[in-house]
Structures are given as structure tokens and as C-alpha cells.
PDB file of N, CA and C in Angstrom:
ATOM      1  N   MET A   1      -7.532  46.223  41.182  1.00  0.00           N
ATOM      2  CA  MET A   1      -6.493  45.834  40.276  1.00  0.00           C
ATOM      3  C   MET A   1      -6.242  46.959  39.282  1.00  0.00           C
ATOM      4  N   SER A   2      -5.005  47.259  39.055  1.00  0.00           N
ATOM      5  CA  SER A   2      -4.685  48.336  38.125  1.00  0.00           C
ATOM      6  C   SER A   2      -4.723  47.822  36.696  1.00  0.00           C
ATOM      7  N   ASP A   3      -4.773  48.753  35.753  1.00  0.00           N
ATOM      8  CA  ASP A   3      -4.814  48.388  34.344  1.00  0.00           C
ATOM      9  C   ASP A   3      -3.552  47.657  33.914  1.00  0.00           C
ATOM     10  N   SER A   4      -2.378  48.090  34.425  1.00  0.00           N
ATOM     11  CA  SER A   4      -1.123  47.451  34.021  1.00  0.00           C
ATOM     12  C   SER A   4      -1.025  46.024  34.538  1.00  0.00           C
ATOM     13  N   ALA A   5      -1.528  45.767  35.744  1.00  0.00           N
ATOM     14  CA  ALA A   5      -1.478  44.410  36.287  1.00  0.00           C
ATOM     15  C   ALA A   5      -2.391  43.484  35.507  1.00  0.00           C
ATOM     16  N   SER A   6      -3.574  43.909  35.168  1.00  0.00           N
ATOM     17  CA  SER A   6      -4.478  43.042  34.430  1.00  0.00           C
ATOM     18  C   SER A   6      -3.954  42.803  33.006  1.00  0.00           C
ATOM     19  N   ARG A   7      -3.330  43.825  32.422  1.00  0.00           N
ATOM     20  CA  ARG A   7      -2.738  43.647  31.092  1.00  0.00           C
ATOM     21  C   ARG A   7      -1.593  42.636  31.166  1.00  0.00           C
ATOM     22  N   LEU A   8      -0.767  42.722  32.190  1.00  0.00           N
ATOM     23  CA  LEU A   8       0.330  41.781  32.375  1.00  0.00           C
ATOM     24  C   LEU A   8      -0.206  40.366  32.588  1.00  0.00           C
ATOM     25  N   GLU A   9      -1.260  40.229  33.371  1.00  0.00           N
ATOM     26  CA  GLU A   9      -1.866  38.910  33.582  1.00  0.00           C
ATOM     27  C   GLU A   9      -2.413  38.344  32.278  1.00  0.00           C
ATOM     28  N   MET A  10      -3.045  39.188  31.477  1.00  0.00           N
ATOM     29  CA  MET A  10      -3.577  38.729  30.185  1.00  0.00           C
ATOM     30  C   MET A  10      -2.448  38.275  29.266  1.00  0.00           C
ATOM     31  N   LEU A  11      -1.348  38.999  29.251  1.00  0.00           N
ATOM     32  CA  LEU A  11      -0.214  38.609  28.418  1.00  0.00           C
ATOM     33  C   LEU A  11       0.381  37.286  28.887  1.00  0.00           C
ATOM     34  N   ARG A  12       0.484  37.103  30.190  1.00  0.00           N
ATOM     35  CA  ARG A  12       0.993  35.833  30.716  1.00  0.00           C
ATOM     36  C   ARG A  12       0.043  34.686  30.388  1.00  0.00           C
ATOM     37  N   PHE A  13      -1.251  34.966  30.495  1.00  0.00           N
ATOM     38  CA  PHE A  13      -2.244  33.948  30.137  1.00  0.00           C
ATOM     39  C   PHE A  13      -2.112  33.578  28.652  1.00  0.00           C
ATOM     40  N   ALA A  14      -1.992  34.582  27.794  1.00  0.00           N
ATOM     41  CA  ALA A  14      -1.836  34.340  26.354  1.00  0.00           C
ATOM     42  C   ALA A  14      -0.572  33.528  26.079  1.00  0.00           C
ATOM     43  N   ARG A  15       0.485  33.789  26.812  1.00  0.00           N
ATOM     44  CA  ARG A  15       1.734  33.037  26.654  1.00  0.00           C
ATOM     45  C   ARG A  15       1.530  31.581  27.039  1.00  0.00           C
ATOM     46  N   ARG A  16       0.826  31.333  28.171  1.00  0.00           N
ATOM     47  CA  ARG A  16       0.577  29.953  28.603  1.00  0.00           C
ATOM     48  C   ARG A  16      -0.243  29.194  27.552  1.00  0.00           C
ATOM     49  N   VAL A  17      -1.264  29.848  27.034  1.00  0.00           N
ATOM     50  CA  VAL A  17      -2.106  29.220  26.015  1.00  0.00           C
ATOM     51  C   VAL A  17      -1.276  28.906  24.775  1.00  0.00           C
ATOM     52  N   THR A  18      -0.452  29.845  24.361  1.00  0.00           N
ATOM     53  CA  THR A  18       0.394  29.643  23.186  1.00  0.00           C
ATOM     54  C   THR A  18       1.369  28.492  23.392  1.00  0.00           C
ATOM     55  N   LEU A  19       1.970  28.404  24.583  1.00  0.00           N
ATOM     56  CA  LEU A  19       2.893  27.305  24.867  1.00  0.00           C
ATOM     57  C   LEU A  19       2.162  25.962  24.857  1.00  0.00           C
ATOM     58  N   GLN A  20       0.940  25.930  25.373  1.00  0.00           N
ATOM     59  CA  GLN A  20       0.158  24.695  25.335  1.00  0.00           C
ATOM     60  C   GLN A  20      -0.153  24.296  23.897  1.00  0.00           C
ATOM     61  N   GLN A  21      -0.506  25.246  23.069  1.00  0.00           N
ATOM     62  CA  GLN A  21      -0.787  24.958  21.666  1.00  0.00           C
ATOM     63  C   GLN A  21       0.463  24.483  20.942  1.00  0.00           C
ATOM     64  N   LEU A  22       1.579  25.117  21.228  1.00  0.00           N
ATOM     65  CA  LEU A  22       2.844  24.721  20.633  1.00  0.00           C
ATOM     66  C   LEU A  22       3.216  23.296  21.047  1.00  0.00           C
ATOM     67  N   ALA A  23       2.996  22.949  22.303  1.00  0.00           N
ATOM     68  CA  ALA A  23       3.268  21.584  22.778  1.00  0.00           C
ATOM     69  C   ALA A  23       2.377  20.586  22.053  1.00  0.00           C
ATOM     70  N   GLN A  24       1.113  20.947  21.831  1.00  0.00           N
ATOM     71  CA  GLN A  24       0.197  20.062  21.101  1.00  0.00           C
ATOM     72  C   GLN A  24       0.672  19.867  19.671  1.00  0.00           C
ATOM     73  N   ILE A  25       1.081  20.937  19.023  1.00  0.00           N
ATOM     74  CA  ILE A  25       1.592  20.845  17.650  1.00  0.00           C
ATOM     75  C   ILE A  25       2.846  19.979  17.614  1.00  0.00           C
ATOM     76  N   ASP A  26       3.728  20.120  18.591  1.00  0.00           N
ATOM     77  CA  ASP A  26       4.929  19.284  18.654  1.00  0.00           C
ATOM     78  C   ASP A  26       4.562  17.801  18.784  1.00  0.00           C
ATOM     79  N   ARG A  27       3.508  17.487  19.569  1.00  0.00           N
ATOM     80  CA  ARG A  27       3.059  16.091  19.699  1.00  0.00           C
ATOM     81  C   ARG A  27       2.511  15.581  18.368  1.00  0.00           C
ATOM     82  N   TRP A  28       1.753  16.421  17.660  1.00  0.00           N
ATOM     83  CA  TRP A  28       1.231  16.029  16.351  1.00  0.00           C
ATOM     84  C   TRP A  28       2.359  15.770  15.358  1.00  0.00           C
ATOM     85  N   ILE A  29       3.373  16.622  15.392  1.00  0.00           N
ATOM     86  CA  ILE A  29       4.529  16.447  14.498  1.00  0.00           C
ATOM     87  C   ILE A  29       5.240  15.139  14.820  1.00  0.00           C
ATOM     88  N   ALA A  30       5.479  14.868  16.091  1.00  0.00           N
ATOM     89  CA  ALA A  30       6.161  13.632  16.491  1.00  0.00           C
ATOM     90  C   ALA A  30       5.353  12.411  16.064  1.00  0.00           C
ATOM     91  N   ARG A  31       4.033  12.463  16.232  1.00  0.00           N
ATOM     92  CA  ARG A  31       3.179  11.346  15.833  1.00  0.00           C
ATOM     93  C   ARG A  31       3.245  11.125  14.323  1.00  0.00           C
ATOM     94  N   GLU A  32       3.221  12.201  13.550  1.00  0.00           N
ATOM     95  CA  GLU A  32       3.283  12.079  12.097  1.00  0.00           C
ATOM     96  C   GLU A  32       4.649  11.571  11.645  1.00  0.00           C
ATOM     97  N   GLU A  33       5.712  11.988  12.327  1.00  0.00           N
ATOM     98  CA  GLU A  33       7.054  11.472  12.000  1.00  0.00           C
ATOM     99  C   GLU A  33       7.126   9.977  12.259  1.00  0.00           C
ATOM    100  N   ARG A  34       6.507   9.500  13.351  1.00  0.00           N
ATOM    101  CA  ARG A  34       6.471   8.057  13.619  1.00  0.00           C
ATOM    102  C   ARG A  34       5.701   7.320  12.524  1.00  0.00           C
ATOM    103  N   ARG A  35       4.567   7.880  12.100  1.00  0.00           N
ATOM    104  CA  ARG A  35       3.778   7.243  11.032  1.00  0.00           C
ATOM    105  C   ARG A  35       4.565   7.159   9.732  1.00  0.00           C
ATOM    106  N   GLU A  36       5.247   8.242   9.391  1.00  0.00           N
ATOM    107  CA  GLU A  36       6.057   8.245   8.169  1.00  0.00           C
ATOM    108  C   GLU A  36       7.175   7.209   8.246  1.00  0.00           C
ATOM    109  N   ALA A  37       7.818   7.103   9.403  1.00  0.00           N
ATOM    110  CA  ALA A  37       8.876   6.111   9.575  1.00  0.00           C
ATOM    111  C   ALA A  37       8.310   4.700   9.440  1.00  0.00           C
ATOM    112  N   GLU A  38       7.117   4.457   9.992  1.00  0.00           N
ATOM    113  CA  GLU A  38       6.481   3.144   9.862  1.00  0.00           C
ATOM    114  C   GLU A  38       6.139   2.845   8.409  1.00  0.00           C
ATOM    115  N   ARG A  39       5.650   3.838   7.673  1.00  0.00           N
ATOM    116  CA  ARG A  39       5.346   3.648   6.255  1.00  0.00           C
ATOM    117  C   ARG A  39       6.604   3.297   5.468  1.00  0.00           C
ATOM    118  N   ARG A  40       7.696   4.009   5.759  1.00  0.00           N
ATOM    119  CA  ARG A  40       8.959   3.726   5.055  1.00  0.00           C
ATOM    120  C   ARG A  40       9.451   2.318   5.372  1.00  0.00           C
ATOM    121  N   ARG A  41       9.402   1.934   6.666  1.00  0.00           N
ATOM    122  CA  ARG A  41       9.826   0.581   7.038  1.00  0.00           C
ATOM    123  C   ARG A  41       8.956  -0.472   6.359  1.00  0.00           C
ATOM    124  N   GLY A  42       7.652  -0.225   6.290  1.00  0.00           N
ATOM    125  CA  GLY A  42       6.742  -1.155   5.635  1.00  0.00           C
ATOM    126  C   GLY A  42       7.041  -1.292   4.152  1.00  0.00           C
ATOM    127  N   ALA A  43       7.312  -0.173   3.505  1.00  0.00           N
ATOM    128  CA  ALA A  43       7.622  -0.207   2.074  1.00  0.00           C
ATOM    129  C   ALA A  43       8.935  -0.942   1.820  1.00  0.00           C
ATOM    130  N   GLN A  44       9.915  -0.765   2.689  1.00  0.00           N
ATOM    131  CA  GLN A  44      11.197  -1.447   2.519  1.00  0.00           C
ATOM    132  C   GLN A  44      11.079  -2.935   2.801  1.00  0.00           C
ATOM    133  N   ALA A  45      10.200  -3.318   3.718  1.00  0.00           N
ATOM    134  CA  ALA A  45      10.055  -4.721   4.091  1.00  0.00           C
ATOM    135  C   ALA A  45       9.120  -5.486   3.152  1.00  0.00           C
ATOM    136  N   ARG A  46       8.386  -4.763   2.328  1.00  0.00           N
ATOM    137  CA  ARG A  46       7.431  -5.405   1.427  1.00  0.00           C
ATOM    138  C   ARG A  46       8.179  -6.276   0.415  1.00  0.00           C
ATOM    139  N   PRO A  47       7.735  -7.516   0.243  1.00  0.00           N
ATOM    140  CA  PRO A  47       8.403  -8.370  -0.736  1.00  0.00           C
ATOM    141  C   PRO A  47       8.170  -7.840  -2.152  1.00  0.00           C
ATOM    142  N   PRO A  48       9.064  -8.157  -3.069  1.00  0.00           N
ATOM    143  CA  PRO A  48       8.879  -7.679  -4.439  1.00  0.00           C
ATOM    144  C   PRO A  48       7.646  -8.329  -5.075  1.00  0.00           C
ATOM    145  N   ALA A  49       7.049  -7.618  -6.009  1.00  0.00           N
ATOM    146  CA  ALA A  49       5.887  -8.149  -6.716  1.00  0.00           C
ATOM    147  C   ALA A  49       6.318  -9.374  -7.536  1.00  0.00           C
ATOM    148  N   PRO A  50       5.468 -10.380  -7.621  1.00  0.00           N
ATOM    149  CA  PRO A  50       5.833 -11.560  -8.408  1.00  0.00           C
ATOM    150  C   PRO A  50       5.843 -11.228  -9.897  1.00  0.00           C
ATOM    151  N   ASP A  51       6.631 -11.980 -10.652  1.00  0.00           N
ATOM    152  CA  ASP A  51       6.680 -11.769 -12.095  1.00  0.00           C
ATOM    153  C   ASP A  51       5.413 -12.258 -12.775  1.00  0.00           C
ATOM    154  N   TRP A  52       4.807 -13.311 -12.215  1.00  0.00           N
ATOM    155  CA  TRP A  52       3.599 -13.898 -12.797  1.00  0.00           C
ATOM    156  C   TRP A  52       2.593 -14.157 -11.683  1.00  0.00           C
ATOM    157  N   VAL A  53       1.327 -14.004 -12.007  1.00  0.00           N
ATOM    158  CA  VAL A  53       0.262 -14.152 -11.016  1.00  0.00           C
ATOM    159  C   VAL A  53      -0.810 -15.074 -11.566  1.00  0.00           C
ATOM    160  N   LEU A  54      -1.289 -15.951 -10.713  1.00  0.00           N
ATOM    161  CA  LEU A  54      -2.400 -16.823 -11.040  1.00  0.00           C
ATOM    162  C   LEU A  54      -3.611 -16.323 -10.259  1.00  0.00           C
ATOM    163  N   GLU A  55      -4.587 -15.784 -10.963  1.00  0.00           N
ATOM    164  CA  GLU A  55      -5.818 -15.327 -10.312  1.00  0.00           C
ATOM    165  C   GLU A  55      -6.725 -16.533 -10.142  1.00  0.00           C
ATOM    166  N   VAL A  56      -7.232 -16.714  -8.935  1.00  0.00           N
ATOM    167  CA  VAL A  56      -8.066 -17.882  -8.649  1.00  0.00           C
ATOM    168  C   VAL A  56      -9.484 -17.444  -8.330  1.00  0.00           C
ATOM    169  N   GLY A  57     -10.422 -18.364  -8.562  1.00  0.00           N
ATOM    170  CA  GLY A  57     -11.818 -18.092  -8.270  1.00  0.00           C
ATOM    171  C   GLY A  57     -12.083 -18.147  -6.775  1.00  0.00           C
ATOM    172  N   ILE A  58     -13.239 -17.626  -6.385  1.00  0.00           N
ATOM    173  CA  ILE A  58     -13.598 -17.657  -4.974  1.00  0.00           C
ATOM    174  C   ILE A  58     -14.336 -18.955  -4.679  1.00  0.00           C
ATOM    175  N   GLY A  59     -14.450 -19.263  -3.428  1.00  0.00           N
ATOM    176  CA  GLY A  59     -15.152 -20.476  -3.035  1.00  0.00           C
ATOM    177  C   GLY A  59     -14.194 -21.614  -2.752  1.00  0.00           C
ATOM    178  N   ASP A  60     -14.764 -22.803  -2.629  1.00  0.00           N
ATOM    179  CA  ASP A  60     -13.971 -23.979  -2.271  1.00  0.00           C
ATOM    180  C   ASP A  60     -13.023 -24.418  -3.381  1.00  0.00           C
ATOM    181  N   SER A  61     -13.434 -24.217  -4.623  1.00  0.00           N
ATOM    182  CA  SER A  61     -12.615 -24.738  -5.723  1.00  0.00           C
ATOM    183  C   SER A  61     -11.285 -24.010  -5.838  1.00  0.00           C
ATOM    184  N   GLY A  62     -11.315 -22.694  -5.787  1.00  0.00           N
ATOM    185  CA  GLY A  62     -10.086 -21.922  -5.924  1.00  0.00           C
ATOM    186  C   GLY A  62      -9.355 -22.220  -7.207  1.00  0.00           C
ATOM    187  N   ARG A  63     -10.115 -22.543  -8.235  1.00  0.00           N
ATOM    188  CA  ARG A  63      -9.503 -22.894  -9.527  1.00  0.00           C
ATOM    189  C   ARG A  63      -8.956 -21.645 -10.214  1.00  0.00           C
ATOM    190  N   PRO A  64      -7.879 -21.824 -10.960  1.00  0.00           N
ATOM    191  CA  PRO A  64      -7.304 -20.684 -11.677  1.00  0.00           C
ATOM    192  C   PRO A  64      -8.277 -20.118 -12.702  1.00  0.00           C
ATOM    193  N   VAL A  65      -8.344 -18.804 -12.764  1.00  0.00           N
ATOM    194  CA  VAL A  65      -9.225 -18.121 -13.708  1.00  0.00           C
ATOM    195  C   VAL A  65      -8.402 -17.473 -14.818  1.00  0.00           C
ATOM    196  N   TYR A  66      -7.339 -16.768 -14.421  1.00  0.00           N
ATOM    197  CA  TYR A  66      -6.475 -16.082 -15.379  1.00  0.00           C
ATOM    198  C   TYR A  66      -5.029 -16.184 -14.935  1.00  0.00           C
ATOM    199  N   VAL A  67      -4.161 -16.109 -15.938  1.00  0.00           N
ATOM    200  CA  VAL A  67      -2.732 -15.908 -15.689  1.00  0.00           C
ATOM    201  C   VAL A  67      -2.452 -14.448 -16.043  1.00  0.00           C
ATOM    202  N   HIS A  68      -1.742 -13.749 -15.169  1.00  0.00           N
ATOM    203  CA  HIS A  68      -1.413 -12.332 -15.383  1.00  0.00           C
ATOM    204  C   HIS A  68       0.097 -12.132 -15.301  1.00  0.00           C
ATOM    205  N   ALA A  69       0.561 -11.092 -15.968  1.00  0.00           N
ATOM    206  CA  ALA A  69       1.910 -10.601 -15.704  1.00  0.00           C
ATOM    207  C   ALA A  69       1.856  -9.910 -14.343  1.00  0.00           C
ATOM    208  N   GLY A  70       2.949  -9.923 -13.613  1.00  0.00           N
ATOM    209  CA  GLY A  70       2.959  -9.434 -12.231  1.00  0.00           C
ATOM    210  C   GLY A  70       2.449  -8.032 -12.010  1.00  0.00           C
ATOM    211  N   GLY A  71       2.661  -7.115 -12.912  1.00  0.00           N
ATOM    212  CA  GLY A  71       2.249  -5.739 -12.707  1.00  0.00           C
ATOM    213  C   GLY A  71       0.904  -5.386 -13.311  1.00  0.00           C
ATOM    214  N   CYS A  72       0.125  -6.369 -13.719  1.00  0.00           N
ATOM    215  CA  CYS A  72      -1.154  -6.104 -14.382  1.00  0.00           C
ATOM    216  C   CYS A  72      -2.137  -5.405 -13.437  1.00  0.00           C
ATOM    217  N   HIS A  73      -2.810  -4.405 -13.939  1.00  0.00           N
ATOM    218  CA  HIS A  73      -3.773  -3.659 -13.128  1.00  0.00           C
ATOM    219  C   HIS A  73      -5.126  -4.364 -13.028  1.00  0.00           C
ATOM    220  N   MET A  74      -5.311  -5.445 -13.755  1.00  0.00           N
ATOM    221  CA  MET A  74      -6.594  -6.144 -13.768  1.00  0.00           C
ATOM    222  C   MET A  74      -6.623  -7.358 -12.825  1.00  0.00           C
ATOM    223  N   ILE A  75      -5.583  -7.567 -12.055  1.00  0.00           N
ATOM    224  CA  ILE A  75      -5.552  -8.701 -11.129  1.00  0.00           C
ATOM    225  C   ILE A  75      -6.646  -8.507 -10.087  1.00  0.00           C
ATOM    226  N   GLY A  76      -7.438  -9.554  -9.872  1.00  0.00           N
ATOM    227  CA  GLY A  76      -8.523  -9.491  -8.894  1.00  0.00           C
ATOM    228  C   GLY A  76      -7.993  -9.607  -7.468  1.00  0.00           C
ATOM    229  N   LYS A  77      -8.914  -9.809  -6.534  1.00  0.00           N
ATOM    230  CA  LYS A  77      -8.547  -9.852  -5.119  1.00  0.00           C
ATOM    231  C   LYS A  77      -7.945 -11.189  -4.701  1.00  0.00           C
ATOM    232  N   HIS A  78      -8.245 -12.241  -5.431  1.00  0.00           N
ATOM    233  CA  HIS A  78      -7.804 -13.584  -5.035  1.00  0.00           C
ATOM    234  C   HIS A  78      -6.743 -14.070  -6.026  1.00  0.00           C
ATOM    235  N   TRP A  79      -5.519 -14.090  -5.569  1.00  0.00           N
ATOM    236  CA  TRP A  79      -4.424 -14.468  -6.456  1.00  0.00           C
ATOM    237  C   TRP A  79      -3.258 -15.009  -5.657  1.00  0.00           C
ATOM    238  N   ARG A  80      -2.329 -15.606  -6.377  1.00  0.00           N
ATOM    239  CA  ARG A  80      -1.062 -16.043  -5.770  1.00  0.00           C
ATOM    240  C   ARG A  80       0.035 -15.898  -6.813  1.00  0.00           C
ATOM    241  N   GLY A  81       1.190 -15.547  -6.330  1.00  0.00           N
ATOM    242  CA  GLY A  81       2.333 -15.407  -7.219  1.00  0.00           C
ATOM    243  C   GLY A  81       2.853 -16.770  -7.641  1.00  0.00           C
ATOM    244  N   VAL A  82       3.256 -16.873  -8.885  1.00  0.00           N
ATOM    245  CA  VAL A  82       3.818 -18.124  -9.406  1.00  0.00           C
ATOM    246  C   VAL A  82       5.082 -17.796 -10.191  1.00  0.00           C
ATOM    247  N   ASP A  83       5.890 -18.823 -10.408  1.00  0.00           N
ATOM    248  CA  ASP A  83       7.090 -18.614 -11.215  1.00  0.00           C
ATOM    249  C   ASP A  83       6.756 -18.825 -12.697  1.00  0.00           C
ATOM    250  N   ARG A  84       7.736 -18.620 -13.536  1.00  0.00           N
ATOM    251  CA  ARG A  84       7.530 -18.698 -14.987  1.00  0.00           C
ATOM    252  C   ARG A  84       7.033 -20.080 -15.408  1.00  0.00           C
ATOM    253  N   ALA A  85       7.626 -21.123 -14.855  1.00  0.00           N
ATOM    254  CA  ALA A  85       7.237 -22.493 -15.228  1.00  0.00           C
ATOM    255  C   ALA A  85       5.784 -22.772 -14.848  1.00  0.00           C
ATOM    256  N   GLN A  86       5.358 -22.325 -13.686  1.00  0.00           N
ATOM    257  CA  GLN A  86       3.967 -22.534 -13.264  1.00  0.00           C
ATOM    258  C   GLN A  86       3.003 -21.744 -14.144  1.00  0.00           C
ATOM    259  N   ALA A  87       3.395 -20.543 -14.539  1.00  0.00           N
ATOM    260  CA  ALA A  87       2.551 -19.745 -15.427  1.00  0.00           C
ATOM    261  C   ALA A  87       2.420 -20.430 -16.789  1.00  0.00           C
ATOM    262  N   LEU A  88       3.530 -20.920 -17.312  1.00  0.00           N
ATOM    263  CA  LEU A  88       3.489 -21.646 -18.589  1.00  0.00           C
ATOM    264  C   LEU A  88       2.622 -22.895 -18.487  1.00  0.00           C
ATOM    265  N   HIS A  89       2.766 -23.620 -17.385  1.00  0.00           N
ATOM    266  CA  HIS A  89       1.984 -24.840 -17.177  1.00  0.00           C
ATOM    267  C   HIS A  89       0.484 -24.513 -17.112  1.00  0.00           C
ATOM    268  N   ALA A  90       0.126 -23.470 -16.400  1.00  0.00           N
ATOM    269  CA  ALA A  90      -1.290 -23.090 -16.298  1.00  0.00           C
ATOM    270  C   ALA A  90      -1.857 -22.723 -17.666  1.00  0.00           C
ATOM    271  N   LEU A  91      -1.107 -21.970 -18.448  1.00  0.00           N
ATOM    272  CA  LEU A  91      -1.572 -21.616 -19.789  1.00  0.00           C
ATOM    273  C   LEU A  91      -1.705 -22.854 -20.666  1.00  0.00           C
ATOM    274  N   ALA A  92      -0.760 -23.775 -20.551  1.00  0.00           N
ATOM    275  CA  ALA A  92      -0.811 -25.016 -21.333  1.00  0.00           C
ATOM    276  C   ALA A  92      -1.999 -25.891 -20.917  1.00  0.00           C
ATOM    277  N   GLU A  93      -2.401 -25.787 -19.656  1.00  0.00           N
ATOM    278  CA  GLU A  93      -3.534 -26.571 -19.144  1.00  0.00           C
ATOM    279  C   GLU A  93      -4.875 -25.923 -19.479  1.00  0.00           C
ATOM    280  N   GLY A  94      -4.866 -24.768 -20.144  1.00  0.00           N
ATOM    281  CA  GLY A  94      -6.103 -24.153 -20.582  1.00  0.00           C
ATOM    282  C   GLY A  94      -6.578 -22.962 -19.771  1.00  0.00           C
ATOM    283  N   VAL A  95      -5.803 -22.536 -18.796  1.00  0.00           N
ATOM    284  CA  VAL A  95      -6.176 -21.327 -18.053  1.00  0.00           C
ATOM    285  C   VAL A  95      -5.980 -20.137 -18.991  1.00  0.00           C
ATOM    286  N   ASN A  96      -6.962 -19.274 -19.038  1.00  0.00           N
ATOM    287  CA  ASN A  96      -6.898 -18.117 -19.939  1.00  0.00           C
ATOM    288  C   ASN A  96      -5.827 -17.127 -19.500  1.00  0.00           C
ATOM    289  N   GLY A  97      -5.198 -16.545 -20.487  1.00  0.00           N
ATOM    290  CA  GLY A  97      -4.292 -15.444 -20.213  1.00  0.00           C
ATOM    291  C   GLY A  97      -5.098 -14.149 -20.166  1.00  0.00           C
ATOM    292  N   CYS A  98      -4.698 -13.240 -19.326  1.00  0.00           N
ATOM    293  CA  CYS A  98      -5.397 -11.955 -19.205  1.00  0.00           C
ATOM    294  C   CYS A  98      -5.343 -11.231 -20.554  1.00  0.00           C
ATOM    295  N   PRO A  99      -6.491 -10.752 -21.040  1.00  0.00           N
ATOM    296  CA  PRO A  99      -6.478 -10.053 -22.327  1.00  0.00           C
ATOM    297  C   PRO A  99      -5.836  -8.662 -22.260  1.00  0.00           C
ATOM    298  N   HIS A 100      -5.570  -8.167 -21.050  1.00  0.00           N
ATOM    299  CA  HIS A 100      -4.972  -6.838 -20.918  1.00  0.00           C
ATOM    300  C   HIS A 100      -3.448  -6.895 -20.918  1.00  0.00           C
ATOM    301  N   CYS A 101      -2.877  -7.787 -20.103  1.00  0.00           N
ATOM    302  CA  CYS A 101      -1.409  -7.831 -19.989  1.00  0.00           C
ATOM    303  C   CYS A 101      -0.793  -8.881 -20.914  1.00  0.00           C
ATOM    304  N   ARG A 102      -1.602  -9.763 -21.466  1.00  0.00           N
ATOM    305  CA  ARG A 102      -1.173 -10.767 -22.445  1.00  0.00           C
ATOM    306  C   ARG A 102       0.051 -11.570 -21.990  1.00  0.00           C
ATOM    307  N   PRO A 103      -0.067 -12.336 -20.911  1.00  0.00           N
ATOM    308  CA  PRO A 103       1.078 -13.104 -20.437  1.00  0.00           C
ATOM    309  C   PRO A 103       1.510 -14.199 -21.411  1.00  0.00           C
ATOM    310  N   ASP A 104       0.581 -14.687 -22.214  1.00  0.00           N
ATOM    311  CA  ASP A 104       0.937 -15.710 -23.189  1.00  0.00           C
ATOM    312  C   ASP A 104       1.949 -15.174 -24.200  1.00  0.00           C
ATOM    313  N   THR A 105       1.800 -13.921 -24.595  1.00  0.00           N
ATOM    314  CA  THR A 105       2.763 -13.288 -25.497  1.00  0.00           C
ATOM    315  C   THR A 105       4.074 -13.022 -24.764  1.00  0.00           C
ATOM    316  N   ALA A 106       3.972 -12.510 -23.554  1.00  0.00           N
ATOM    317  CA  ALA A 106       5.188 -12.198 -22.785  1.00  0.00           C
ATOM    318  C   ALA A 106       5.989 -13.457 -22.463  1.00  0.00           C
ATOM    319  N   LEU A 107       5.308 -14.586 -22.299  1.00  0.00           N
ATOM    320  CA  LEU A 107       5.987 -15.841 -22.013  1.00  0.00           C
ATOM    321  C   LEU A 107       6.488 -16.537 -23.281  1.00  0.00           C
ATOM    322  N   GLY A 108       6.136 -16.003 -24.437  1.00  0.00           N
ATOM    323  CA  GLY A 108       6.631 -16.566 -25.678  1.00  0.00           C
ATOM    324  C   GLY A 108       5.741 -17.659 -26.263  1.00  0.00           C
ATOM    325  N   LEU A 109       4.532 -17.832 -25.750  1.00  0.00           N
ATOM    326  CA  LEU A 109       3.632 -18.847 -26.312  1.00  0.00           C
ATOM    327  C   LEU A 109       3.005 -18.363 -27.601  1.00  0.00           C
ATOM    328  N   LEU A 110       2.678 -17.099 -27.677  1.00  0.00           N
ATOM    329  CA  LEU A 110       2.086 -16.508 -28.872  1.00  0.00           C
ATOM    330  C   LEU A 110       3.005 -15.396 -29.350  1.00  0.00           C
ATOM    331  N   GLU A 111       3.116 -15.279 -30.595  1.00  0.00           N
ATOM    332  CA  GLU A 111       3.948 -14.226 -31.181  1.00  0.00           C
ATOM    333  C   GLU A 111       3.086 -13.143 -31.763  1.00  0.00           C
TER     334      GLU A 111
END
């Protein structure tokens, strides 16, 4: 085999490897574009955050523990969204208002 033929073969081999790598990168890009599209669809389909939240205890009782404003960062893992009337009713029944977001003040119970 001459030097020029082996050099040409090496260049062709390098080209094949590069094309394979480029194809792999294209697959990664397509996969990431699909993930981004799914994230966008999920964000658009997500229901709006509730205005008021009732945090409930764990276990069988599931009794209300706190009333929170909807965007409170202190909401625990167990909660359900409620409307304004339900939040007012819970506070009137003795459920504590969150000391961080102060829903009792926001609802007009305390000034």
C-alpha cells in the first residue's frame, strides 16, 4: 500500500467517524427539543395556583392545620385549594392562619 492510499483511507475513515458523531449530536438535539416542547406544554396546561390553600395534617384525620395565601412558600406537602369563603370559614372555625403569609389579614379578618 502506498503512503497516499493509506492517507486517503485515514481521511475517509475520519470523515465516517465525524459523520457518525454529527448524527449522534443531531439525535441529542432532537431529543432535547422534544423535552423542551413537553415542558412548555406542561407549563401551559398547568392549572393556575389557588388563591387560598388549606394545609391538612397527615393520617386518617386530614384535619386542617393552616390556612395559607396561595403563593405562600411555607405550604406543606398535604394541601388542597379552597375558595375565599372556605378560607374564611376555616379561620372562623379556629384553623390557624399561616404566620408567614398572614391570610387572616389578607382576607380582612385582622387589620
